[in-house]
Amino acid sequence: MRVIRSFHHSEFPAGRLAVEREATASVCVPARETAQAIGAIVDTLVGLRDRGAIDQVVVVDAGSADGTADVAARHGAEVHQEADLLAWAGPVLGKGDAMWRALSVLTGDVVCYLDGDTDGFDERFACGVLGPLLCEPRVRFVKASFRRPFRVGDIELPDGGGRVNELTARPLLHRF
């Protein structure tokens, strides 16, 4: 029997996570050339950490030339270069490989991955993903859903962004 459950981020404000959770939580942000966005994202996540909603904020940088790692560190994130994590495994082969390698430095019982290039980042992204895992005892996996605009030059379409999600994750999760 397949059970489908949906939750809304509003069910899991930061205060609820801080009070109800029994597990530790790490948030990992894989990042590549995201210096303009990463500071605000890290500020939001550090605020959640300071309020007890999460325990660890890690940015895994892909050797960004724009100073992403420095910005993230200045804003309070624990920063690691993806190529330095599990270096014995060879060269990093993309975002998924960086995410897997990040597990070597993440200390939480529960791990949440968030994008490092999200405009208008808000704590609801982290709380909405972590909330069901931390507050609903039978939940073991959460896949977020949100609208991400697709931009090309001056043209912006309200949907169609999030290439990896739209092309691989969503069809795979729907099938299984």
N, C-alpha and C. Protein backbone atom coordinates (compact mmCIF):
# COMPACT_ATOMS: atom_id res chain seq x y z
N MET A 1 0.83 -1.18 0.00
CA MET A 1 0.00 0.00 0.00
C MET A 1 0.88 1.24 0.00
N ARG A 2 0.64 2.13 -0.92
CA ARG A 2 1.41 3.35 -1.04
C ARG A 2 0.70 4.48 -0.30
N VAL A 3 1.42 5.13 0.58
CA VAL A 3 0.86 6.23 1.35
C VAL A 3 1.50 7.52 0.87
N ILE A 4 0.68 8.47 0.52
CA ILE A 4 1.17 9.77 0.09
C ILE A 4 0.71 10.80 1.11
N ARG A 5 1.66 11.53 1.64
CA ARG A 5 1.34 12.59 2.60
C ARG A 5 1.93 13.88 2.09
N SER A 6 1.23 14.94 2.30
CA SER A 6 1.72 16.27 1.94
C SER A 6 1.62 17.17 3.17
N PHE A 7 2.58 18.04 3.28
CA PHE A 7 2.60 19.00 4.37
C PHE A 7 2.85 20.38 3.77
N HIS A 8 2.47 21.40 4.49
CA HIS A 8 2.74 22.77 4.09
C HIS A 8 3.74 23.35 5.08
N HIS A 9 4.64 24.18 4.59
CA HIS A 9 5.68 24.74 5.45
C HIS A 9 5.11 25.47 6.67
N SER A 10 3.91 26.02 6.54
CA SER A 10 3.33 26.77 7.65
C SER A 10 3.04 25.90 8.88
N GLU A 11 3.01 24.58 8.69
CA GLU A 11 2.79 23.67 9.82
C GLU A 11 4.04 23.54 10.70
N PHE A 12 5.18 24.03 10.21
CA PHE A 12 6.44 23.79 10.90
C PHE A 12 7.25 25.08 11.08
N PRO A 13 6.73 26.00 11.89
CA PRO A 13 7.54 27.21 12.16
C PRO A 13 8.79 26.83 12.96
N ALA A 14 9.77 27.69 12.91
CA ALA A 14 11.04 27.42 13.59
C ALA A 14 10.86 27.12 15.07
N GLY A 15 9.96 27.83 15.73
CA GLY A 15 9.72 27.59 17.15
C GLY A 15 9.23 26.18 17.43
N ARG A 16 8.41 25.65 16.55
CA ARG A 16 7.94 24.27 16.73
C ARG A 16 9.10 23.29 16.62
N LEU A 17 9.96 23.49 15.62
CA LEU A 17 11.11 22.59 15.47
C LEU A 17 12.00 22.65 16.70
N ALA A 18 12.24 23.85 17.19
CA ALA A 18 13.12 24.00 18.36
C ALA A 18 12.57 23.28 19.58
N VAL A 19 11.26 23.28 19.75
CA VAL A 19 10.64 22.69 20.94
C VAL A 19 10.41 21.19 20.80
N GLU A 20 9.95 20.75 19.62
CA GLU A 20 9.50 19.37 19.47
C GLU A 20 10.56 18.38 19.01
N ARG A 21 11.55 18.84 18.34
CA ARG A 21 12.50 17.88 17.75
C ARG A 21 13.32 17.15 18.80
N GLU A 22 13.58 15.90 18.51
CA GLU A 22 14.45 15.09 19.36
C GLU A 22 15.74 14.73 18.64
N ALA A 23 15.73 14.83 17.32
CA ALA A 23 16.91 14.52 16.51
C ALA A 23 17.70 15.79 16.23
N THR A 24 19.00 15.62 15.97
CA THR A 24 19.81 16.76 15.54
C THR A 24 19.64 16.94 14.04
N ALA A 25 19.84 18.16 13.56
CA ALA A 25 19.61 18.47 12.14
C ALA A 25 20.75 19.28 11.56
N SER A 26 21.26 18.81 10.41
CA SER A 26 22.28 19.53 9.65
C SER A 26 21.66 20.02 8.35
N VAL A 27 21.99 21.25 7.97
CA VAL A 27 21.57 21.79 6.69
C VAL A 27 22.82 22.00 5.86
N CYS A 28 22.82 21.43 4.66
CA CYS A 28 23.96 21.52 3.75
C CYS A 28 23.53 22.28 2.50
N VAL A 29 24.37 23.24 2.11
CA VAL A 29 24.10 24.03 0.91
C VAL A 29 25.25 23.82 -0.07
N PRO A 30 25.09 22.94 -1.07
CA PRO A 30 26.10 22.83 -2.12
C PRO A 30 26.06 24.12 -2.94
N ALA A 31 27.21 24.69 -3.22
CA ALA A 31 27.22 26.00 -3.89
C ALA A 31 28.32 26.08 -4.93
N ARG A 32 28.00 26.75 -6.02
CA ARG A 32 28.98 27.03 -7.08
C ARG A 32 28.66 28.41 -7.64
N GLU A 33 29.59 29.34 -7.47
CA GLU A 33 29.44 30.69 -8.01
C GLU A 33 28.14 31.35 -7.56
N THR A 34 27.89 31.33 -6.25
CA THR A 34 26.65 31.89 -5.71
C THR A 34 26.91 33.00 -4.69
N ALA A 35 28.01 33.72 -4.84
CA ALA A 35 28.38 34.75 -3.85
C ALA A 35 27.29 35.78 -3.63
N GLN A 36 26.52 36.12 -4.65
CA GLN A 36 25.50 37.15 -4.49
C GLN A 36 24.32 36.68 -3.65
N ALA A 37 24.06 35.38 -3.62
CA ALA A 37 22.89 34.87 -2.88
C ALA A 37 23.26 34.20 -1.56
N ILE A 38 24.46 33.66 -1.45
CA ILE A 38 24.79 32.78 -0.33
C ILE A 38 24.78 33.48 1.02
N GLY A 39 25.14 34.75 1.08
CA GLY A 39 25.16 35.46 2.35
C GLY A 39 23.79 35.50 3.01
N ALA A 40 22.77 35.86 2.25
CA ALA A 40 21.41 35.92 2.80
C ALA A 40 20.91 34.54 3.19
N ILE A 41 21.26 33.53 2.41
CA ILE A 41 20.85 32.16 2.73
C ILE A 41 21.49 31.72 4.04
N VAL A 42 22.78 31.94 4.17
CA VAL A 42 23.48 31.54 5.40
C VAL A 42 22.97 32.34 6.60
N ASP A 43 22.71 33.63 6.42
CA ASP A 43 22.16 34.43 7.53
C ASP A 43 20.86 33.80 8.04
N THR A 44 20.00 33.40 7.13
CA THR A 44 18.72 32.79 7.50
C THR A 44 18.94 31.48 8.25
N LEU A 45 19.84 30.65 7.74
CA LEU A 45 20.10 29.35 8.36
C LEU A 45 20.78 29.50 9.72
N VAL A 46 21.71 30.43 9.84
CA VAL A 46 22.37 30.68 11.13
C VAL A 46 21.34 31.18 12.14
N GLY A 47 20.39 31.99 11.68
CA GLY A 47 19.31 32.43 12.56
C GLY A 47 18.50 31.25 13.08
N LEU A 48 18.23 30.28 12.23
CA LEU A 48 17.52 29.07 12.66
C LEU A 48 18.36 28.28 13.67
N ARG A 49 19.65 28.23 13.41
CA ARG A 49 20.55 27.52 14.34
C ARG A 49 20.55 28.22 15.69
N ASP A 50 20.65 29.54 15.68
CA ASP A 50 20.70 30.30 16.92
C ASP A 50 19.41 30.18 17.73
N ARG A 51 18.29 29.93 17.04
CA ARG A 51 17.00 29.78 17.72
C ARG A 51 16.69 28.32 18.07
N GLY A 52 17.64 27.41 17.80
CA GLY A 52 17.48 26.03 18.21
C GLY A 52 16.70 25.14 17.26
N ALA A 53 16.39 25.63 16.06
CA ALA A 53 15.63 24.83 15.11
C ALA A 53 16.51 23.82 14.38
N ILE A 54 17.78 24.16 14.18
CA ILE A 54 18.75 23.26 13.54
C ILE A 54 20.05 23.33 14.32
N ASP A 55 20.98 22.41 13.99
CA ASP A 55 22.24 22.36 14.72
C ASP A 55 23.47 22.77 13.91
N GLN A 56 23.45 22.54 12.62
CA GLN A 56 24.66 22.72 11.82
C GLN A 56 24.31 23.34 10.47
N VAL A 57 25.12 24.33 10.05
CA VAL A 57 24.97 24.97 8.74
C VAL A 57 26.28 24.78 8.00
N VAL A 58 26.25 24.03 6.90
CA VAL A 58 27.45 23.72 6.13
C VAL A 58 27.25 24.16 4.68
N VAL A 59 28.23 24.85 4.15
CA VAL A 59 28.26 25.17 2.72
C VAL A 59 29.39 24.36 2.11
N VAL A 60 29.08 23.61 1.07
CA VAL A 60 30.08 22.85 0.34
C VAL A 60 30.28 23.57 -0.99
N ASP A 61 31.45 24.20 -1.12
CA ASP A 61 31.74 25.04 -2.28
C ASP A 61 32.46 24.24 -3.36
N ALA A 62 32.13 24.55 -4.59
CA ALA A 62 32.71 23.87 -5.74
C ALA A 62 33.87 24.67 -6.33
N GLY A 63 34.72 25.21 -5.46
CA GLY A 63 35.88 25.96 -5.95
C GLY A 63 35.47 27.24 -6.66
N SER A 64 34.46 27.89 -6.18
CA SER A 64 33.92 29.09 -6.83
C SER A 64 34.97 30.20 -6.90
N ALA A 65 35.04 30.83 -8.06
CA ALA A 65 35.97 31.93 -8.27
C ALA A 65 35.40 33.27 -7.80
N ASP A 66 34.10 33.31 -7.51
CA ASP A 66 33.45 34.58 -7.16
C ASP A 66 33.46 34.88 -5.66
N GLY A 67 34.13 34.05 -4.86
CA GLY A 67 34.22 34.30 -3.43
C GLY A 67 33.09 33.69 -2.61
N THR A 68 32.35 32.76 -3.18
CA THR A 68 31.24 32.13 -2.47
C THR A 68 31.66 31.61 -1.10
N ALA A 69 32.77 30.89 -1.03
CA ALA A 69 33.22 30.30 0.23
C ALA A 69 33.51 31.37 1.27
N ASP A 70 34.17 32.44 0.87
CA ASP A 70 34.49 33.52 1.82
C ASP A 70 33.23 34.20 2.35
N VAL A 71 32.28 34.45 1.46
CA VAL A 71 31.03 35.08 1.88
C VAL A 71 30.31 34.17 2.88
N ALA A 72 30.20 32.89 2.55
CA ALA A 72 29.51 31.94 3.43
C ALA A 72 30.17 31.88 4.80
N ALA A 73 31.48 31.83 4.83
CA ALA A 73 32.20 31.77 6.10
C ALA A 73 31.99 33.05 6.91
N ARG A 74 32.06 34.21 6.25
CA ARG A 74 31.84 35.48 6.96
C ARG A 74 30.45 35.57 7.58
N HIS A 75 29.50 34.89 6.97
CA HIS A 75 28.12 34.93 7.47
C HIS A 75 27.84 33.84 8.50
N GLY A 76 28.84 32.99 8.78
CA GLY A 76 28.69 32.04 9.88
C GLY A 76 28.54 30.58 9.51
N ALA A 77 28.70 30.24 8.25
CA ALA A 77 28.61 28.84 7.85
C ALA A 77 29.94 28.13 8.07
N GLU A 78 29.85 26.85 8.31
CA GLU A 78 31.03 25.96 8.26
C GLU A 78 31.21 25.67 6.77
N VAL A 79 32.38 25.97 6.22
CA VAL A 79 32.59 25.86 4.78
C VAL A 79 33.64 24.81 4.46
N HIS A 80 33.34 23.99 3.47
CA HIS A 80 34.27 22.97 2.98
C HIS A 80 34.31 23.04 1.46
N GLN A 81 35.50 22.79 0.91
CA GLN A 81 35.63 22.65 -0.53
C GLN A 81 35.27 21.22 -0.90
N GLU A 82 34.40 21.06 -1.90
CA GLU A 82 33.93 19.72 -2.24
C GLU A 82 35.08 18.79 -2.62
N ALA A 83 36.10 19.30 -3.29
CA ALA A 83 37.22 18.46 -3.73
C ALA A 83 38.06 17.96 -2.56
N ASP A 84 37.97 18.66 -1.41
CA ASP A 84 38.73 18.23 -0.22
C ASP A 84 38.00 17.14 0.57
N LEU A 85 36.71 17.01 0.35
CA LEU A 85 35.94 16.01 1.08
C LEU A 85 36.10 14.65 0.41
N LEU A 86 36.55 13.67 1.17
CA LEU A 86 36.79 12.32 0.64
C LEU A 86 37.60 12.36 -0.65
N ALA A 87 38.70 13.10 -0.59
CA ALA A 87 39.55 13.28 -1.78
C ALA A 87 40.02 11.96 -2.36
N TRP A 88 40.13 10.93 -1.52
CA TRP A 88 40.57 9.62 -1.99
C TRP A 88 39.60 9.01 -3.01
N ALA A 89 38.36 9.54 -3.07
CA ALA A 89 37.36 9.02 -4.00
C ALA A 89 37.53 9.55 -5.42
N GLY A 90 38.52 10.41 -5.63
CA GLY A 90 38.77 10.95 -6.97
C GLY A 90 38.11 12.29 -7.17
N PRO A 91 38.13 12.78 -8.41
CA PRO A 91 37.55 14.09 -8.69
C PRO A 91 36.04 14.10 -8.45
N VAL A 92 35.55 15.27 -8.06
CA VAL A 92 34.12 15.43 -7.84
C VAL A 92 33.41 15.41 -9.19
N LEU A 93 32.33 14.66 -9.25
CA LEU A 93 31.63 14.47 -10.52
C LEU A 93 30.26 15.13 -10.52
N GLY A 94 30.17 16.33 -9.99
CA GLY A 94 28.91 17.06 -10.02
C GLY A 94 28.30 17.26 -8.65
N LYS A 95 27.13 17.90 -8.66
CA LYS A 95 26.45 18.28 -7.43
C LYS A 95 26.09 17.07 -6.57
N GLY A 96 25.61 16.02 -7.18
CA GLY A 96 25.25 14.82 -6.42
C GLY A 96 26.44 14.23 -5.71
N ASP A 97 27.58 14.23 -6.36
CA ASP A 97 28.81 13.72 -5.75
C ASP A 97 29.22 14.61 -4.58
N ALA A 98 29.09 15.91 -4.75
CA ALA A 98 29.41 16.84 -3.66
C ALA A 98 28.47 16.62 -2.47
N MET A 99 27.21 16.34 -2.75
CA MET A 99 26.25 16.10 -1.68
C MET A 99 26.61 14.84 -0.91
N TRP A 100 26.98 13.80 -1.62
CA TRP A 100 27.37 12.54 -0.98
C TRP A 100 28.62 12.77 -0.12
N ARG A 101 29.60 13.47 -0.66
CA ARG A 101 30.83 13.73 0.09
C ARG A 101 30.56 14.56 1.34
N ALA A 102 29.58 15.43 1.27
CA ALA A 102 29.24 16.28 2.42
C ALA A 102 28.84 15.45 3.64
N LEU A 103 28.33 14.27 3.42
CA LEU A 103 27.94 13.41 4.55
C LEU A 103 29.12 13.13 5.48
N SER A 104 30.35 13.27 4.96
CA SER A 104 31.53 13.02 5.79
C SER A 104 31.75 14.10 6.85
N VAL A 105 31.10 15.26 6.70
CA VAL A 105 31.26 16.35 7.68
C VAL A 105 29.95 16.77 8.35
N LEU A 106 28.86 16.22 7.89
CA LEU A 106 27.56 16.55 8.48
C LEU A 106 27.36 15.69 9.72
N THR A 107 26.95 16.31 10.81
CA THR A 107 26.87 15.61 12.09
C THR A 107 25.43 15.32 12.53
N GLY A 108 24.45 15.85 11.85
CA GLY A 108 23.07 15.69 12.28
C GLY A 108 22.50 14.30 12.05
N ASP A 109 21.53 13.94 12.88
CA ASP A 109 20.78 12.71 12.66
C ASP A 109 19.97 12.82 11.38
N VAL A 110 19.53 14.03 11.07
CA VAL A 110 18.74 14.32 9.89
C VAL A 110 19.53 15.33 9.05
N VAL A 111 19.54 15.11 7.74
CA VAL A 111 20.28 15.98 6.83
C VAL A 111 19.30 16.59 5.83
N CYS A 112 19.45 17.89 5.61
CA CYS A 112 18.63 18.62 4.65
C CYS A 112 19.57 19.33 3.68
N TYR A 113 19.32 19.17 2.38
CA TYR A 113 20.08 19.88 1.35
C TYR A 113 19.21 20.99 0.78
N LEU A 114 19.79 22.18 0.66
CA LEU A 114 19.09 23.32 0.08
C LEU A 114 19.96 23.97 -0.98
N ASP A 115 19.34 24.62 -1.94
CA ASP A 115 20.07 25.27 -3.02
C ASP A 115 20.73 26.56 -2.55
N GLY A 116 21.89 26.85 -3.11
CA GLY A 116 22.65 28.03 -2.75
C GLY A 116 22.40 29.23 -3.65
N ASP A 117 21.47 29.10 -4.59
CA ASP A 117 21.22 30.20 -5.53
C ASP A 117 19.77 30.65 -5.53
N THR A 118 19.06 30.38 -4.45
CA THR A 118 17.64 30.71 -4.40
C THR A 118 17.43 32.18 -4.07
N ASP A 119 16.80 32.89 -4.98
CA ASP A 119 16.44 34.29 -4.72
C ASP A 119 15.28 34.32 -3.75
N GLY A 120 15.27 35.28 -2.85
CA GLY A 120 14.18 35.40 -1.90
C GLY A 120 14.12 34.25 -0.91
N PHE A 121 15.29 33.71 -0.56
CA PHE A 121 15.36 32.59 0.37
C PHE A 121 14.71 32.97 1.69
N ASP A 122 13.97 32.05 2.26
CA ASP A 122 13.26 32.29 3.51
C ASP A 122 13.39 31.04 4.38
N GLU A 123 13.26 31.20 5.68
CA GLU A 123 13.41 30.05 6.58
C GLU A 123 12.38 28.98 6.32
N ARG A 124 11.29 29.32 5.66
CA ARG A 124 10.27 28.30 5.37
C ARG A 124 10.82 27.18 4.49
N PHE A 125 11.84 27.46 3.70
CA PHE A 125 12.43 26.39 2.88
C PHE A 125 13.03 25.32 3.77
N ALA A 126 13.84 25.72 4.74
CA ALA A 126 14.46 24.74 5.64
C ALA A 126 13.44 24.13 6.58
N CYS A 127 12.60 24.94 7.18
CA CYS A 127 11.61 24.43 8.14
C CYS A 127 10.58 23.53 7.46
N GLY A 128 10.21 23.87 6.24
CA GLY A 128 9.24 23.07 5.52
C GLY A 128 9.75 21.69 5.15
N VAL A 129 11.05 21.57 4.88
CA VAL A 129 11.63 20.27 4.57
C VAL A 129 11.94 19.50 5.86
N LEU A 130 12.53 20.17 6.82
CA LEU A 130 12.91 19.49 8.05
C LEU A 130 11.73 19.19 8.98
N GLY A 131 10.72 20.02 8.96
CA GLY A 131 9.60 19.87 9.87
C GLY A 131 8.99 18.49 9.92
N PRO A 132 8.59 17.93 8.78
CA PRO A 132 8.00 16.58 8.83
C PRO A 132 8.97 15.53 9.36
N LEU A 133 10.24 15.67 9.04
CA LEU A 133 11.24 14.70 9.52
C LEU A 133 11.47 14.81 11.02
N LEU A 134 11.41 16.02 11.54
CA LEU A 134 11.71 16.25 12.95
C LEU A 134 10.48 16.17 13.86
N CYS A 135 9.30 16.39 13.30
CA CYS A 135 8.10 16.48 14.13
C CYS A 135 7.05 15.40 13.86
N GLU A 136 7.18 14.68 12.79
CA GLU A 136 6.23 13.62 12.44
C GLU A 136 6.95 12.28 12.52
N PRO A 137 6.70 11.49 13.55
CA PRO A 137 7.48 10.28 13.82
C PRO A 137 7.55 9.26 12.69
N ARG A 138 6.55 9.17 11.85
CA ARG A 138 6.54 8.13 10.82
C ARG A 138 7.17 8.58 9.50
N VAL A 139 7.56 9.85 9.40
CA VAL A 139 8.14 10.37 8.16
C VAL A 139 9.63 10.07 8.12
N ARG A 140 10.09 9.52 7.00
CA ARG A 140 11.49 9.15 6.84
C ARG A 140 12.17 9.86 5.66
N PHE A 141 11.39 10.44 4.77
CA PHE A 141 11.92 11.09 3.58
C PHE A 141 11.00 12.24 3.21
N VAL A 142 11.60 13.36 2.83
CA VAL A 142 10.82 14.52 2.40
C VAL A 142 11.39 15.03 1.10
N LYS A 143 10.52 15.33 0.16
CA LYS A 143 10.89 15.95 -1.11
C LYS A 143 10.11 17.24 -1.22
N ALA A 144 10.81 18.34 -1.27
CA ALA A 144 10.15 19.65 -1.33
C ALA A 144 9.58 19.91 -2.71
N SER A 145 8.61 20.79 -2.74
CA SER A 145 8.02 21.23 -4.00
C SER A 145 7.79 22.74 -3.89
N PHE A 146 8.29 23.46 -4.86
CA PHE A 146 8.05 24.90 -4.90
C PHE A 146 8.24 25.38 -6.32
N ARG A 147 7.68 26.53 -6.61
CA ARG A 147 7.81 27.10 -7.96
C ARG A 147 9.13 27.85 -8.05
N ARG A 148 9.84 27.56 -9.11
CA ARG A 148 11.10 28.26 -9.35
C ARG A 148 11.04 28.83 -10.75
N PRO A 149 11.18 30.13 -10.88
CA PRO A 149 11.08 30.73 -12.22
C PRO A 149 12.26 30.32 -13.11
N PHE A 150 12.00 30.34 -14.40
CA PHE A 150 13.02 30.07 -15.40
C PHE A 150 13.35 31.40 -16.06
N ARG A 151 14.63 31.77 -16.05
CA ARG A 151 15.05 33.06 -16.60
C ARG A 151 16.06 32.87 -17.72
N VAL A 152 15.82 33.63 -18.79
CA VAL A 152 16.79 33.73 -19.88
C VAL A 152 16.84 35.20 -20.24
N GLY A 153 17.96 35.83 -19.91
CA GLY A 153 18.08 37.27 -20.16
C GLY A 153 17.02 38.04 -19.40
N ASP A 154 16.25 38.85 -20.11
CA ASP A 154 15.20 39.65 -19.49
C ASP A 154 13.86 38.92 -19.43
N ILE A 155 13.80 37.73 -19.97
CA ILE A 155 12.55 36.98 -19.99
C ILE A 155 12.50 36.05 -18.78
N GLU A 156 11.37 36.10 -18.06
CA GLU A 156 11.18 35.23 -16.89
C GLU A 156 9.84 34.53 -17.00
N LEU A 157 9.87 33.21 -16.94
CA LEU A 157 8.66 32.41 -16.91
C LEU A 157 8.45 31.94 -15.48
N PRO A 158 7.22 31.94 -14.97
CA PRO A 158 7.00 31.61 -13.56
C PRO A 158 7.37 30.17 -13.19
N ASP A 159 7.35 29.26 -14.14
CA ASP A 159 7.68 27.86 -13.88
C ASP A 159 8.78 27.41 -14.84
N GLY A 160 9.35 26.26 -14.55
CA GLY A 160 10.33 25.68 -15.46
C GLY A 160 11.75 25.71 -14.96
N GLY A 161 12.01 26.41 -13.85
CA GLY A 161 13.34 26.40 -13.28
C GLY A 161 13.59 25.10 -12.54
N GLY A 162 14.76 24.93 -12.00
CA GLY A 162 15.09 23.71 -11.27
C GLY A 162 15.28 22.54 -12.22
N ARG A 163 16.21 22.68 -13.13
CA ARG A 163 16.41 21.69 -14.19
C ARG A 163 16.56 20.26 -13.67
N VAL A 164 17.40 20.04 -12.68
CA VAL A 164 17.64 18.69 -12.18
C VAL A 164 16.35 18.11 -11.63
N ASN A 165 15.64 18.89 -10.86
CA ASN A 165 14.40 18.42 -10.28
C ASN A 165 13.38 18.07 -11.36
N GLU A 166 13.15 18.97 -12.30
CA GLU A 166 12.13 18.76 -13.31
C GLU A 166 12.48 17.61 -14.26
N LEU A 167 13.76 17.43 -14.55
CA LEU A 167 14.16 16.42 -15.52
C LEU A 167 14.43 15.04 -14.94
N THR A 168 14.82 14.98 -13.66
CA THR A 168 15.17 13.67 -13.11
C THR A 168 14.42 13.32 -11.84
N ALA A 169 14.48 14.14 -10.84
CA ALA A 169 13.90 13.78 -9.54
C ALA A 169 12.38 13.61 -9.61
N ARG A 170 11.68 14.60 -10.15
CA ARG A 170 10.23 14.53 -10.15
C ARG A 170 9.70 13.32 -10.93
N PRO A 171 10.17 13.03 -12.14
CA PRO A 171 9.69 11.83 -12.84
C PRO A 171 10.05 10.53 -12.10
N LEU A 172 11.22 10.48 -11.51
CA LEU A 172 11.63 9.26 -10.79
C LEU A 172 10.76 9.04 -9.56
N LEU A 173 10.55 10.09 -8.77
CA LEU A 173 9.72 9.95 -7.58
C LEU A 173 8.28 9.62 -7.94
N HIS A 174 7.79 10.19 -9.04
CA HIS A 174 6.42 9.89 -9.47
C HIS A 174 6.28 8.43 -9.88
N ARG A 175 7.29 7.90 -10.54
CA ARG A 175 7.24 6.51 -11.02
C ARG A 175 7.28 5.52 -9.85
N PHE A 176 8.10 5.80 -8.84
CA PHE A 176 8.25 4.86 -7.74
C PHE A 176 7.54 5.32 -6.49
